[in-house]
Amino acid sequence: IGASIVIKGDLVSSEDTTLAGRVEGNVECRDHALVIAAGARVAGNVHARSVSLNGEVTGNVTAEQSIDIGQSGSVTGDIVSPRMSIAEGGSLNGRVTISRPASQPT
């Protein structure tokens, strides 16, 4: 999704997705990877298999496998994932819950 595109409403994808523009709504790629590129903005909740974040999310981020916040990435909201990393320069303003991977028994 290109840098000049603005989506006002929820975005649901059934394939790996790279977002370089702006979404004012929730983003859902439950069984797929989501890349939020540098300069991209999401004002809503994000749910994907894995999230690579170099842009900005204002909302909660949930990943089934992992969340990686890059140098230019920022999250203002809560994170839920079995694995996460934050590069130097990345920011998080919220709570983190490290969940058990879906494939592990309780």
PDB file of N, CA and C in Angstrom:
ATOM      1  N   ILE A   1       0.879  -1.164   0.000  1.00  0.00           N
ATOM      2  CA  ILE A   1       0.000   0.000   0.000  1.00  0.00           C
ATOM      3  C   ILE A   1       0.916   1.214   0.000  1.00  0.00           C
ATOM      4  N   GLY A   2       0.851   1.982  -1.042  1.00  0.00           N
ATOM      5  CA  GLY A   2       1.791   3.061  -1.296  1.00  0.00           C
ATOM      6  C   GLY A   2       1.776   4.197  -0.295  1.00  0.00           C
ATOM      7  N   ALA A   3       2.846   4.964  -0.310  1.00  0.00           N
ATOM      8  CA  ALA A   3       3.050   6.052   0.646  1.00  0.00           C
ATOM      9  C   ALA A   3       2.004   7.157   0.526  1.00  0.00           C
ATOM     10  N   SER A   4       1.423   7.344  -0.642  1.00  0.00           N
ATOM     11  CA  SER A   4       0.454   8.433  -0.816  1.00  0.00           C
ATOM     12  C   SER A   4      -0.987   7.995  -0.546  1.00  0.00           C
ATOM     13  N   ILE A   5      -1.188   6.722  -0.194  1.00  0.00           N
ATOM     14  CA  ILE A   5      -2.541   6.199   0.018  1.00  0.00           C
ATOM     15  C   ILE A   5      -2.976   6.392   1.459  1.00  0.00           C
ATOM     16  N   VAL A   6      -4.222   6.876   1.628  1.00  0.00           N
ATOM     17  CA  VAL A   6      -4.841   7.024   2.950  1.00  0.00           C
ATOM     18  C   VAL A   6      -6.101   6.172   2.945  1.00  0.00           C
ATOM     19  N   ILE A   7      -6.183   5.250   3.900  1.00  0.00           N
ATOM     20  CA  ILE A   7      -7.369   4.404   4.048  1.00  0.00           C
ATOM     21  C   ILE A   7      -8.090   4.837   5.304  1.00  0.00           C
ATOM     22  N   LYS A   8      -9.354   5.225   5.145  1.00  0.00           N
ATOM     23  CA  LYS A   8     -10.187   5.591   6.292  1.00  0.00           C
ATOM     24  C   LYS A   8     -11.195   4.471   6.481  1.00  0.00           C
ATOM     25  N   GLY A   9     -10.875   3.569   7.405  1.00  0.00           N
ATOM     26  CA  GLY A   9     -11.670   2.369   7.640  1.00  0.00           C
ATOM     27  C   GLY A   9     -10.723   1.208   7.890  1.00  0.00           C
ATOM     28  N   ASP A  10     -11.281   0.061   8.211  1.00  0.00           N
ATOM     29  CA  ASP A  10     -10.470  -1.107   8.527  1.00  0.00           C
ATOM     30  C   ASP A  10      -9.852  -1.717   7.274  1.00  0.00           C
ATOM     31  N   LEU A  11      -8.643  -2.259   7.427  1.00  0.00           N
ATOM     32  CA  LEU A  11      -7.942  -2.944   6.359  1.00  0.00           C
ATOM     33  C   LEU A  11      -7.788  -4.402   6.765  1.00  0.00           C
ATOM     34  N   VAL A  12      -8.340  -5.324   5.961  1.00  0.00           N
ATOM     35  CA  VAL A  12      -8.217  -6.755   6.212  1.00  0.00           C
ATOM     36  C   VAL A  12      -7.503  -7.361   5.016  1.00  0.00           C
ATOM     37  N   SER A  13      -6.395  -8.069   5.278  1.00  0.00           N
ATOM     38  CA  SER A  13      -5.602  -8.655   4.203  1.00  0.00           C
ATOM     39  C   SER A  13      -5.453 -10.153   4.429  1.00  0.00           C
ATOM     40  N   SER A  14      -5.523 -10.927   3.356  1.00  0.00           N
ATOM     41  CA  SER A  14      -5.297 -12.362   3.441  1.00  0.00           C
ATOM     42  C   SER A  14      -4.005 -12.741   2.696  1.00  0.00           C
ATOM     43  N   GLU A  15      -3.026 -11.846   2.754  1.00  0.00           N
ATOM     44  CA  GLU A  15      -1.699 -12.100   2.209  1.00  0.00           C
ATOM     45  C   GLU A  15      -0.697 -11.222   2.949  1.00  0.00           C
ATOM     46  N   ASP A  16       0.590 -11.535   2.809  1.00  0.00           N
ATOM     47  CA  ASP A  16       1.620 -10.679   3.401  1.00  0.00           C
ATOM     48  C   ASP A  16       1.436  -9.271   2.851  1.00  0.00           C
ATOM     49  N   THR A  17       1.565  -8.267   3.735  1.00  0.00           N
ATOM     50  CA  THR A  17       1.241  -6.896   3.353  1.00  0.00           C
ATOM     51  C   THR A  17       2.339  -5.941   3.807  1.00  0.00           C
ATOM     52  N   THR A  18       2.675  -4.997   2.930  1.00  0.00           N
ATOM     53  CA  THR A  18       3.566  -3.903   3.291  1.00  0.00           C
ATOM     54  C   THR A  18       2.777  -2.610   3.202  1.00  0.00           C
ATOM     55  N   LEU A  19       2.775  -1.873   4.286  1.00  0.00           N
ATOM     56  CA  LEU A  19       2.020  -0.625   4.390  1.00  0.00           C
ATOM     57  C   LEU A  19       3.010   0.533   4.468  1.00  0.00           C
ATOM     58  N   ALA A  20       2.945   1.428   3.467  1.00  0.00           N
ATOM     59  CA  ALA A  20       3.810   2.602   3.468  1.00  0.00           C
ATOM     60  C   ALA A  20       2.997   3.883   3.625  1.00  0.00           C
ATOM     61  N   GLY A  21       1.682   3.790   3.536  1.00  0.00           N
ATOM     62  CA  GLY A  21       0.804   4.956   3.636  1.00  0.00           C
ATOM     63  C   GLY A  21       0.214   5.116   5.021  1.00  0.00           C
ATOM     64  N   ARG A  22      -1.050   5.536   5.057  1.00  0.00           N
ATOM     65  CA  ARG A  22      -1.707   5.819   6.340  1.00  0.00           C
ATOM     66  C   ARG A  22      -3.040   5.073   6.410  1.00  0.00           C
ATOM     67  N   VAL A  23      -3.321   4.473   7.574  1.00  0.00           N
ATOM     68  CA  VAL A  23      -4.598   3.809   7.814  1.00  0.00           C
ATOM     69  C   VAL A  23      -5.212   4.409   9.059  1.00  0.00           C
ATOM     70  N   GLU A  24      -6.441   4.886   8.912  1.00  0.00           N
ATOM     71  CA  GLU A  24      -7.216   5.375  10.058  1.00  0.00           C
ATOM     72  C   GLU A  24      -8.297   4.341  10.323  1.00  0.00           C
ATOM     73  N   GLY A  25      -7.902   3.275  10.991  1.00  0.00           N
ATOM     74  CA  GLY A  25      -8.767   2.142  11.277  1.00  0.00           C
ATOM     75  C   GLY A  25      -7.893   0.961  11.661  1.00  0.00           C
ATOM     76  N   ASN A  26      -8.507  -0.171  11.928  1.00  0.00           N
ATOM     77  CA  ASN A  26      -7.781  -1.369  12.330  1.00  0.00           C
ATOM     78  C   ASN A  26      -7.164  -2.053  11.117  1.00  0.00           C
ATOM     79  N   VAL A  27      -6.026  -2.730  11.345  1.00  0.00           N
ATOM     80  CA  VAL A  27      -5.341  -3.490  10.299  1.00  0.00           C
ATOM     81  C   VAL A  27      -5.268  -4.940  10.756  1.00  0.00           C
ATOM     82  N   GLU A  28      -5.764  -5.855   9.920  1.00  0.00           N
ATOM     83  CA  GLU A  28      -5.790  -7.267  10.280  1.00  0.00           C
ATOM     84  C   GLU A  28      -5.195  -8.117   9.164  1.00  0.00           C
ATOM     85  N   CYS A  29      -4.140  -8.838   9.502  1.00  0.00           N
ATOM     86  CA  CYS A  29      -3.479  -9.801   8.605  1.00  0.00           C
ATOM     87  C   CYS A  29      -3.185 -11.045   9.434  1.00  0.00           C
ATOM     88  N   ARG A  30      -4.195 -11.604  10.054  1.00  0.00           N
ATOM     89  CA  ARG A  30      -4.016 -12.625  11.095  1.00  0.00           C
ATOM     90  C   ARG A  30      -3.071 -13.765  10.749  1.00  0.00           C
ATOM     91  N   ASP A  31      -3.129 -14.294   9.549  1.00  0.00           N
ATOM     92  CA  ASP A  31      -2.286 -15.438   9.191  1.00  0.00           C
ATOM     93  C   ASP A  31      -1.101 -15.047   8.332  1.00  0.00           C
ATOM     94  N   HIS A  32      -0.769 -13.767   8.326  1.00  0.00           N
ATOM     95  CA  HIS A  32       0.266 -13.290   7.411  1.00  0.00           C
ATOM     96  C   HIS A  32       1.158 -12.245   8.073  1.00  0.00           C
ATOM     97  N   ALA A  33       2.267 -11.946   7.386  1.00  0.00           N
ATOM     98  CA  ALA A  33       3.223 -10.954   7.877  1.00  0.00           C
ATOM     99  C   ALA A  33       2.775  -9.555   7.477  1.00  0.00           C
ATOM    100  N   LEU A  34       3.018  -8.609   8.358  1.00  0.00           N
ATOM    101  CA  LEU A  34       2.712  -7.206   8.103  1.00  0.00           C
ATOM    102  C   LEU A  34       3.979  -6.392   8.309  1.00  0.00           C
ATOM    103  N   VAL A  35       4.326  -5.596   7.305  1.00  0.00           N
ATOM    104  CA  VAL A  35       5.449  -4.667   7.404  1.00  0.00           C
ATOM    105  C   VAL A  35       4.859  -3.264   7.383  1.00  0.00           C
ATOM    106  N   ILE A  36       5.163  -2.494   8.412  1.00  0.00           N
ATOM    107  CA  ILE A  36       4.753  -1.090   8.463  1.00  0.00           C
ATOM    108  C   ILE A  36       6.029  -0.282   8.235  1.00  0.00           C
ATOM    109  N   ALA A  37       6.139   0.273   7.047  1.00  0.00           N
ATOM    110  CA  ALA A  37       7.375   0.923   6.601  1.00  0.00           C
ATOM    111  C   ALA A  37       7.608   2.252   7.315  1.00  0.00           C
ATOM    112  N   ALA A  38       8.836   2.723   7.268  1.00  0.00           N
ATOM    113  CA  ALA A  38       9.176   4.034   7.824  1.00  0.00           C
ATOM    114  C   ALA A  38       8.296   5.087   7.157  1.00  0.00           C
ATOM    115  N   GLY A  39       7.723   5.962   7.951  1.00  0.00           N
ATOM    116  CA  GLY A  39       6.849   7.008   7.441  1.00  0.00           C
ATOM    117  C   GLY A  39       5.383   6.622   7.409  1.00  0.00           C
ATOM    118  N   ALA A  40       5.076   5.336   7.510  1.00  0.00           N
ATOM    119  CA  ALA A  40       3.680   4.875   7.527  1.00  0.00           C
ATOM    120  C   ALA A  40       3.076   5.131   8.900  1.00  0.00           C
ATOM    121  N   ARG A  41       1.745   5.351   8.918  1.00  0.00           N
ATOM    122  CA  ARG A  41       1.054   5.592  10.191  1.00  0.00           C
ATOM    123  C   ARG A  41      -0.235   4.782  10.245  1.00  0.00           C
ATOM    124  N   VAL A  42      -0.483   4.185  11.408  1.00  0.00           N
ATOM    125  CA  VAL A  42      -1.737   3.474  11.653  1.00  0.00           C
ATOM    126  C   VAL A  42      -2.344   4.057  12.923  1.00  0.00           C
ATOM    127  N   ALA A  43      -3.593   4.523  12.810  1.00  0.00           N
ATOM    128  CA  ALA A  43      -4.353   4.979  13.976  1.00  0.00           C
ATOM    129  C   ALA A  43      -5.456   3.948  14.181  1.00  0.00           C
ATOM    130  N   GLY A  44      -5.129   2.882  14.880  1.00  0.00           N
ATOM    131  CA  GLY A  44      -6.054   1.781  15.106  1.00  0.00           C
ATOM    132  C   GLY A  44      -5.276   0.579  15.603  1.00  0.00           C
ATOM    133  N   ASN A  45      -5.970  -0.500  15.884  1.00  0.00           N
ATOM    134  CA  ASN A  45      -5.332  -1.719  16.367  1.00  0.00           C
ATOM    135  C   ASN A  45      -4.797  -2.534  15.203  1.00  0.00           C
ATOM    136  N   VAL A  46      -3.706  -3.278  15.471  1.00  0.00           N
ATOM    137  CA  VAL A  46      -3.044  -4.105  14.463  1.00  0.00           C
ATOM    138  C   VAL A  46      -3.011  -5.539  14.966  1.00  0.00           C
ATOM    139  N   HIS A  47      -3.360  -6.500  14.080  1.00  0.00           N
ATOM    140  CA  HIS A  47      -3.278  -7.922  14.420  1.00  0.00           C
ATOM    141  C   HIS A  47      -2.737  -8.663  13.197  1.00  0.00           C
ATOM    142  N   ALA A  48      -1.608  -9.365  13.372  1.00  0.00           N
ATOM    143  CA  ALA A  48      -0.983 -10.098  12.271  1.00  0.00           C
ATOM    144  C   ALA A  48      -0.214 -11.289  12.829  1.00  0.00           C
ATOM    145  N   ARG A  49       0.224 -12.170  11.928  1.00  0.00           N
ATOM    146  CA  ARG A  49       1.063 -13.289  12.359  1.00  0.00           C
ATOM    147  C   ARG A  49       2.389 -12.741  12.885  1.00  0.00           C
ATOM    148  N   SER A  50       3.001 -11.849  12.114  1.00  0.00           N
ATOM    149  CA  SER A  50       4.225 -11.181  12.553  1.00  0.00           C
ATOM    150  C   SER A  50       4.165  -9.733  12.089  1.00  0.00           C
ATOM    151  N   VAL A  51       4.786  -8.852  12.877  1.00  0.00           N
ATOM    152  CA  VAL A  51       4.761  -7.426  12.570  1.00  0.00           C
ATOM    153  C   VAL A  51       6.195  -6.899  12.595  1.00  0.00           C
ATOM    154  N   SER A  52       6.597  -6.265  11.503  1.00  0.00           N
ATOM    155  CA  SER A  52       7.865  -5.554  11.426  1.00  0.00           C
ATOM    156  C   SER A  52       7.502  -4.078  11.315  1.00  0.00           C
ATOM    157  N   LEU A  53       7.884  -3.309  12.313  1.00  0.00           N
ATOM    158  CA  LEU A  53       7.364  -1.950  12.451  1.00  0.00           C
ATOM    159  C   LEU A  53       8.483  -0.917  12.415  1.00  0.00           C
ATOM    160  N   ASN A  54       8.475  -0.097  11.357  1.00  0.00           N
ATOM    161  CA  ASN A  54       9.400   1.022  11.261  1.00  0.00           C
ATOM    162  C   ASN A  54       8.647   2.340  11.173  1.00  0.00           C
ATOM    163  N   GLY A  55       7.334   2.276  11.124  1.00  0.00           N
ATOM    164  CA  GLY A  55       6.486   3.460  11.102  1.00  0.00           C
ATOM    165  C   GLY A  55       5.904   3.713  12.476  1.00  0.00           C
ATOM    166  N   GLU A  56       4.682   4.241  12.491  1.00  0.00           N
ATOM    167  CA  GLU A  56       4.055   4.661  13.755  1.00  0.00           C
ATOM    168  C   GLU A  56       2.683   4.010  13.895  1.00  0.00           C
ATOM    169  N   VAL A  57       2.440   3.411  15.066  1.00  0.00           N
ATOM    170  CA  VAL A  57       1.123   2.847  15.379  1.00  0.00           C
ATOM    171  C   VAL A  57       0.618   3.498  16.655  1.00  0.00           C
ATOM    172  N   THR A  58      -0.594   4.041  16.573  1.00  0.00           N
ATOM    173  CA  THR A  58      -1.293   4.523  17.758  1.00  0.00           C
ATOM    174  C   THR A  58      -2.471   3.577  17.938  1.00  0.00           C
ATOM    175  N   GLY A  59      -2.284   2.601  18.791  1.00  0.00           N
ATOM    176  CA  GLY A  59      -3.267   1.542  19.016  1.00  0.00           C
ATOM    177  C   GLY A  59      -2.538   0.306  19.508  1.00  0.00           C
ATOM    178  N   ASN A  60      -3.282  -0.737  19.814  1.00  0.00           N
ATOM    179  CA  ASN A  60      -2.695  -1.980  20.312  1.00  0.00           C
ATOM    180  C   ASN A  60      -2.184  -2.820  19.152  1.00  0.00           C
ATOM    181  N   VAL A  61      -1.082  -3.562  19.404  1.00  0.00           N
ATOM    182  CA  VAL A  61      -0.479  -4.418  18.387  1.00  0.00           C
ATOM    183  C   VAL A  61      -0.424  -5.843  18.931  1.00  0.00           C
ATOM    184  N   THR A  62      -1.036  -6.784  18.194  1.00  0.00           N
ATOM    185  CA  THR A  62      -1.033  -8.193  18.577  1.00  0.00           C
ATOM    186  C   THR A  62      -0.415  -8.990  17.440  1.00  0.00           C
ATOM    187  N   ALA A  63       0.538  -9.877  17.781  1.00  0.00           N
ATOM    188  CA  ALA A  63       1.162 -10.748  16.781  1.00  0.00           C
ATOM    189  C   ALA A  63       1.166 -12.171  17.299  1.00  0.00           C
ATOM    190  N   GLU A  64       0.862 -13.103  16.412  1.00  0.00           N
ATOM    191  CA  GLU A  64       0.849 -14.524  16.780  1.00  0.00           C
ATOM    192  C   GLU A  64       2.258 -15.070  16.963  1.00  0.00           C
ATOM    193  N   GLN A  65       3.256 -14.504  16.240  1.00  0.00           N
ATOM    194  CA  GLN A  65       4.622 -15.012  16.321  1.00  0.00           C
ATOM    195  C   GLN A  65       5.609 -14.004  16.885  1.00  0.00           C
ATOM    196  N   SER A  66       5.687 -12.802  16.291  1.00  0.00           N
ATOM    197  CA  SER A  66       6.704 -11.852  16.749  1.00  0.00           C
ATOM    198  C   SER A  66       6.383 -10.430  16.319  1.00  0.00           C
ATOM    199  N   ILE A  67       6.927  -9.493  17.096  1.00  0.00           N
ATOM    200  CA  ILE A  67       6.862  -8.072  16.775  1.00  0.00           C
ATOM    201  C   ILE A  67       8.285  -7.532  16.847  1.00  0.00           C
ATOM    202  N   ASP A  68       8.701  -6.873  15.782  1.00  0.00           N
ATOM    203  CA  ASP A  68      10.014  -6.243  15.743  1.00  0.00           C
ATOM    204  C   ASP A  68       9.819  -4.758  15.490  1.00  0.00           C
ATOM    205  N   ILE A  69      10.210  -3.946  16.464  1.00  0.00           N
ATOM    206  CA  ILE A  69      10.132  -2.491  16.321  1.00  0.00           C
ATOM    207  C   ILE A  69      11.511  -2.002  15.910  1.00  0.00           C
ATOM    208  N   GLY A  70      11.592  -1.412  14.725  1.00  0.00           N
ATOM    209  CA  GLY A  70      12.870  -0.940  14.185  1.00  0.00           C
ATOM    210  C   GLY A  70      13.265   0.416  14.727  1.00  0.00           C
ATOM    211  N   GLN A  71      14.384   0.944  14.234  1.00  0.00           N
ATOM    212  CA  GLN A  71      14.955   2.213  14.699  1.00  0.00           C
ATOM    213  C   GLN A  71      13.974   3.371  14.612  1.00  0.00           C
ATOM    214  N   SER A  72      13.179   3.403  13.564  1.00  0.00           N
ATOM    215  CA  SER A  72      12.251   4.522  13.387  1.00  0.00           C
ATOM    216  C   SER A  72      10.824   4.151  13.788  1.00  0.00           C
ATOM    217  N   GLY A  73      10.642   2.968  14.369  1.00  0.00           N
ATOM    218  CA  GLY A  73       9.305   2.505  14.743  1.00  0.00           C
ATOM    219  C   GLY A  73       8.850   3.041  16.079  1.00  0.00           C
ATOM    220  N   SER A  74       7.522   3.247  16.209  1.00  0.00           N
ATOM    221  CA  SER A  74       6.977   3.657  17.498  1.00  0.00           C
ATOM    222  C   SER A  74       5.573   3.092  17.660  1.00  0.00           C
ATOM    223  N   VAL A  75       5.281   2.698  18.893  1.00  0.00           N
ATOM    224  CA  VAL A  75       3.959   2.202  19.262  1.00  0.00           C
ATOM    225  C   VAL A  75       3.495   2.975  20.480  1.00  0.00           C
ATOM    226  N   THR A  76       2.294   3.533  20.384  1.00  0.00           N
ATOM    227  CA  THR A  76       1.622   4.113  21.542  1.00  0.00           C
ATOM    228  C   THR A  76       0.394   3.240  21.758  1.00  0.00           C
ATOM    229  N   GLY A  77       0.541   2.263  22.625  1.00  0.00           N
ATOM    230  CA  GLY A  77      -0.507   1.277  22.870  1.00  0.00           C
ATOM    231  C   GLY A  77       0.130   0.013  23.424  1.00  0.00           C
ATOM    232  N   ASP A  78      -0.688  -0.976  23.684  1.00  0.00           N
ATOM    233  CA  ASP A  78      -0.215  -2.219  24.291  1.00  0.00           C
ATOM    234  C   ASP A  78       0.198  -3.225  23.219  1.00  0.00           C
ATOM    235  N   ILE A  79       1.143  -4.096  23.592  1.00  0.00           N
ATOM    236  CA  ILE A  79       1.660  -5.129  22.697  1.00  0.00           C
ATOM    237  C   ILE A  79       1.411  -6.486  23.329  1.00  0.00           C
ATOM    238  N   VAL A  80       0.950  -7.441  22.490  1.00  0.00           N
ATOM    239  CA  VAL A  80       0.797  -8.835  22.912  1.00  0.00           C
ATOM    240  C   VAL A  80       1.456  -9.702  21.846  1.00  0.00           C
ATOM    241  N   SER A  81       2.447 -10.511  22.252  1.00  0.00           N
ATOM    242  CA  SER A  81       3.164 -11.375  21.312  1.00  0.00           C
ATOM    243  C   SER A  81       4.044 -12.352  22.093  1.00  0.00           C
ATOM    244  N   PRO A  82       4.336 -13.532  21.510  1.00  0.00           N
ATOM    245  CA  PRO A  82       5.263 -14.446  22.186  1.00  0.00           C
ATOM    246  C   PRO A  82       6.705 -13.943  22.164  1.00  0.00           C
ATOM    247  N   ARG A  83       7.063 -13.153  21.128  1.00  0.00           N
ATOM    248  CA  ARG A  83       8.423 -12.622  21.006  1.00  0.00           C
ATOM    249  C   ARG A  83       8.350 -11.183  20.538  1.00  0.00           C
ATOM    250  N   MET A  84       9.266 -10.372  21.040  1.00  0.00           N
ATOM    251  CA  MET A  84       9.345  -8.997  20.558  1.00  0.00           C
ATOM    252  C   MET A  84      10.754  -8.473  20.706  1.00  0.00           C
ATOM    253  N   SER A  85      11.090  -7.499  19.859  1.00  0.00           N
ATOM    254  CA  SER A  85      12.381  -6.827  19.972  1.00  0.00           C
ATOM    255  C   SER A  85      12.172  -5.357  19.622  1.00  0.00           C
ATOM    256  N   ILE A  86      13.003  -4.517  20.237  1.00  0.00           N
ATOM    257  CA  ILE A  86      12.974  -3.084  19.946  1.00  0.00           C
ATOM    258  C   ILE A  86      14.413  -2.657  19.665  1.00  0.00           C
ATOM    259  N   ALA A  87      14.629  -2.136  18.462  1.00  0.00           N
ATOM    260  CA  ALA A  87      15.956  -1.650  18.091  1.00  0.00           C
ATOM    261  C   ALA A  87      16.235  -0.327  18.793  1.00  0.00           C
ATOM    262  N   GLU A  88      17.508  -0.009  18.938  1.00  0.00           N
ATOM    263  CA  GLU A  88      17.876   1.280  19.505  1.00  0.00           C
ATOM    264  C   GLU A  88      17.262   2.382  18.642  1.00  0.00           C
ATOM    265  N   GLY A  89      16.564   3.299  19.274  1.00  0.00           N
ATOM    266  CA  GLY A  89      15.879   4.370  18.555  1.00  0.00           C
ATOM    267  C   GLY A  89      14.390   4.129  18.432  1.00  0.00           C
ATOM    268  N   GLY A  90      13.953   2.864  18.509  1.00  0.00           N
ATOM    269  CA  GLY A  90      12.528   2.544  18.480  1.00  0.00           C
ATOM    270  C   GLY A  90      11.883   2.919  19.799  1.00  0.00           C
ATOM    271  N   SER A  91      10.550   3.123  19.798  1.00  0.00           N
ATOM    272  CA  SER A  91       9.910   3.513  21.053  1.00  0.00           C
ATOM    273  C   SER A  91       8.601   2.763  21.270  1.00  0.00           C
ATOM    274  N   LEU A  92       8.279   2.593  22.541  1.00  0.00           N
ATOM    275  CA  LEU A  92       7.052   1.941  22.968  1.00  0.00           C
ATOM    276  C   LEU A  92       6.523   2.678  24.179  1.00  0.00           C
ATOM    277  N   ASN A  93       5.271   3.114  24.082  1.00  0.00           N
ATOM    278  CA  ASN A  93       4.601   3.750  25.211  1.00  0.00           C
ATOM    279  C   ASN A  93       3.336   2.947  25.468  1.00  0.00           C
ATOM    280  N   GLY A  94       3.457   1.935  26.316  1.00  0.00           N
ATOM    281  CA  GLY A  94       2.335   1.048  26.603  1.00  0.00           C
ATOM    282  C   GLY A  94       2.829  -0.165  27.373  1.00  0.00           C
ATOM    283  N   ARG A  95       1.948  -1.137  27.513  1.00  0.00           N
ATOM    284  CA  ARG A  95       2.281  -2.358  28.239  1.00  0.00           C
ATOM    285  C   ARG A  95       2.635  -3.468  27.262  1.00  0.00           C
ATOM    286  N   VAL A  96       3.467  -4.402  27.732  1.00  0.00           N
ATOM    287  CA  VAL A  96       3.871  -5.550  26.925  1.00  0.00           C
ATOM    288  C   VAL A  96       3.418  -6.817  27.628  1.00  0.00           C
ATOM    289  N   THR A  97       2.750  -7.699  26.889  1.00  0.00           N
ATOM    290  CA  THR A  97       2.397  -9.026  27.384  1.00  0.00           C
ATOM    291  C   THR A  97       3.073 -10.036  26.479  1.00  0.00           C
ATOM    292  N   ILE A  98       3.976 -10.821  27.044  1.00  0.00           N
ATOM    293  CA  ILE A  98       4.620 -11.879  26.283  1.00  0.00           C
ATOM    294  C   ILE A  98       3.736 -13.110  26.449  1.00  0.00           C
ATOM    295  N   SER A  99       3.050 -13.466  25.367  1.00  0.00           N
ATOM    296  CA  SER A  99       2.085 -14.551  25.389  1.00  0.00           C
ATOM    297  C   SER A  99       2.752 -15.861  24.979  1.00  0.00           C
ATOM    298  N   ARG A 100       2.094 -16.930  25.277  1.00  0.00           N
ATOM    299  CA  ARG A 100       2.556 -18.258  24.866  1.00  0.00           C
ATOM    300  C   ARG A 100       2.209 -18.435  23.395  1.00  0.00           C
ATOM    301  N   PRO A 101       3.136 -18.977  22.583  1.00  0.00           N
ATOM    302  CA  PRO A 101       2.812 -19.209  21.168  1.00  0.00           C
ATOM    303  C   PRO A 101       1.579 -20.099  21.037  1.00  0.00           C
ATOM    304  N   ALA A 102       0.801 -19.887  19.998  1.00  0.00           N
ATOM    305  CA  ALA A 102      -0.454 -20.616  19.798  1.00  0.00           C
ATOM    306  C   ALA A 102      -0.247 -22.124  19.722  1.00  0.00           C
ATOM    307  N   SER A 103       0.931 -22.588  19.278  1.00  0.00           N
ATOM    308  CA  SER A 103       1.172 -24.016  19.106  1.00  0.00           C
ATOM    309  C   SER A 103       1.553 -24.718  20.412  1.00  0.00           C
ATOM    310  N   GLN A 104       1.831 -23.985  21.496  1.00  0.00           N
ATOM    311  CA  GLN A 104       2.221 -24.597  22.757  1.00  0.00           C
ATOM    312  C   GLN A 104       1.000 -24.873  23.613  1.00  0.00           C
ATOM    313  N   PRO A 105       0.945 -26.027  24.263  1.00  0.00           N
ATOM    314  CA  PRO A 105      -0.179 -26.319  25.160  1.00  0.00           C
ATOM    315  C   PRO A 105      -0.112 -25.448  26.401  1.00  0.00           C
ATOM    316  N   THR A 106      -1.251 -25.221  27.018  1.00  0.00           N
ATOM    317  CA  THR A 106      -1.292 -24.400  28.244  1.00  0.00           C
ATOM    318  C   THR A 106      -0.943 -25.182  29.470  1.00  0.00           C
TER     319      THR A 106
END
